[in-house]
Amino acid sequence: MPLAQLISPQQLAERQKAGGCVILDCRFALEDPDYGRCSYAEGHIEGAQYADLERT
């Protein structure tokens, strides 16, 4: 499944260094309710928090 990229990894690193940045991982798949949580558990951006769009 292709992922959309709104900013580059370098831009994200700069924003993280500046502070006050909250990163939410909200990956999902309509056909698999556990996809997002499983993908997050397998790997995510350091400091990111998982936001379950189906259960929150």
C-alpha atoms as a PDB file:
ATOM      1  CA  MET A   1       0.000   0.000   0.000  1.00  0.00           C
ATOM      2  CA  PRO A   2       1.646   3.307  -1.049  1.00  0.00           C
ATOM      3  CA  LEU A   3       1.995   5.959   1.630  1.00  0.00           C
ATOM      4  CA  ALA A   4       1.409   9.673   1.091  1.00  0.00           C
ATOM      5  CA  GLN A   5       4.338  11.932   1.938  1.00  0.00           C
ATOM      6  CA  LEU A   6       3.415  15.465   2.922  1.00  0.00           C
ATOM      7  CA  ILE A   7       6.895  16.542   4.025  1.00  0.00           C
ATOM      8  CA  SER A   8      10.338  15.040   3.557  1.00  0.00           C
ATOM      9  CA  PRO A   9      12.159  13.103   6.283  1.00  0.00           C
ATOM     10  CA  GLN A  10      14.630  15.997   6.524  1.00  0.00           C
ATOM     11  CA  GLN A  11      11.824  18.524   7.074  1.00  0.00           C
ATOM     12  CA  LEU A  12      10.324  16.319   9.783  1.00  0.00           C
ATOM     13  CA  ALA A  13      13.691  15.996  11.543  1.00  0.00           C
ATOM     14  CA  GLU A  14      14.051  19.799  11.548  1.00  0.00           C
ATOM     15  CA  ARG A  15      10.576  20.218  13.057  1.00  0.00           C
ATOM     16  CA  GLN A  16      11.307  17.583  15.704  1.00  0.00           C
ATOM     17  CA  LYS A  17      14.516  19.397  16.693  1.00  0.00           C
ATOM     18  CA  ALA A  18      12.597  22.664  17.047  1.00  0.00           C
ATOM     19  CA  GLY A  19      10.284  21.019  19.600  1.00  0.00           C
ATOM     20  CA  GLY A  20       6.559  21.209  20.103  1.00  0.00           C
ATOM     21  CA  CYS A  21       5.928  18.641  17.377  1.00  0.00           C
ATOM     22  CA  VAL A  22       3.472  15.783  17.916  1.00  0.00           C
ATOM     23  CA  ILE A  23       3.607  12.927  15.424  1.00  0.00           C
ATOM     24  CA  LEU A  24       0.536  10.725  15.116  1.00  0.00           C
ATOM     25  CA  ASP A  25       0.650   7.421  13.260  1.00  0.00           C
ATOM     26  CA  CYS A  26      -2.891   6.820  12.006  1.00  0.00           C
ATOM     27  CA  ARG A  27      -2.367   4.152   9.355  1.00  0.00           C
ATOM     28  CA  PHE A  28      -5.445   2.091   8.587  1.00  0.00           C
ATOM     29  CA  ALA A  29      -6.959  -0.292   6.074  1.00  0.00           C
ATOM     30  CA  LEU A  30     -10.717  -0.636   5.668  1.00  0.00           C
ATOM     31  CA  GLU A  31     -10.457  -4.379   5.060  1.00  0.00           C
ATOM     32  CA  ASP A  32      -8.262  -5.024   8.145  1.00  0.00           C
ATOM     33  CA  PRO A  33      -9.124  -3.206  11.397  1.00  0.00           C
ATOM     34  CA  ASP A  34      -5.859  -4.359  13.033  1.00  0.00           C
ATOM     35  CA  TYR A  35      -3.584  -3.221  10.188  1.00  0.00           C
ATOM     36  CA  GLY A  36      -2.688   0.149  11.717  1.00  0.00           C
ATOM     37  CA  ARG A  37      -1.847  -1.108  15.192  1.00  0.00           C
ATOM     38  CA  CYS A  38       0.168  -4.041  13.780  1.00  0.00           C
ATOM     39  CA  SER A  39       2.065  -1.774  11.380  1.00  0.00           C
ATOM     40  CA  TYR A  40       2.829   0.674  14.197  1.00  0.00           C
ATOM     41  CA  ALA A  41       4.099  -2.181  16.385  1.00  0.00           C
ATOM     42  CA  GLU A  42       6.403  -3.350  13.561  1.00  0.00           C
ATOM     43  CA  GLY A  43       7.977   0.083  13.200  1.00  0.00           C
ATOM     44  CA  HIS A  44       7.231   3.777  13.337  1.00  0.00           C
ATOM     45  CA  ILE A  45       8.883   7.182  13.456  1.00  0.00           C
ATOM     46  CA  GLU A  46      10.702   7.621  16.757  1.00  0.00           C
ATOM     47  CA  GLY A  47       8.444   9.414  19.232  1.00  0.00           C
ATOM     48  CA  ALA A  48       5.281   8.874  17.177  1.00  0.00           C
ATOM     49  CA  GLN A  49       2.087   7.927  18.977  1.00  0.00           C
ATOM     50  CA  TYR A  50      -0.509   5.600  17.494  1.00  0.00           C
ATOM     51  CA  ALA A  51      -3.969   7.076  16.909  1.00  0.00           C
ATOM     52  CA  ASP A  52      -6.575   4.403  16.142  1.00  0.00           C
ATOM     53  CA  LEU A  53      -9.140   6.111  13.901  1.00  0.00           C
ATOM     54  CA  GLU A  54     -11.641   3.276  14.320  1.00  0.00           C
ATOM     55  CA  ARG A  55     -11.556   2.959  18.107  1.00  0.00           C
ATOM     56  CA  THR A  56     -10.772   6.450  19.375  1.00  0.00           C
END
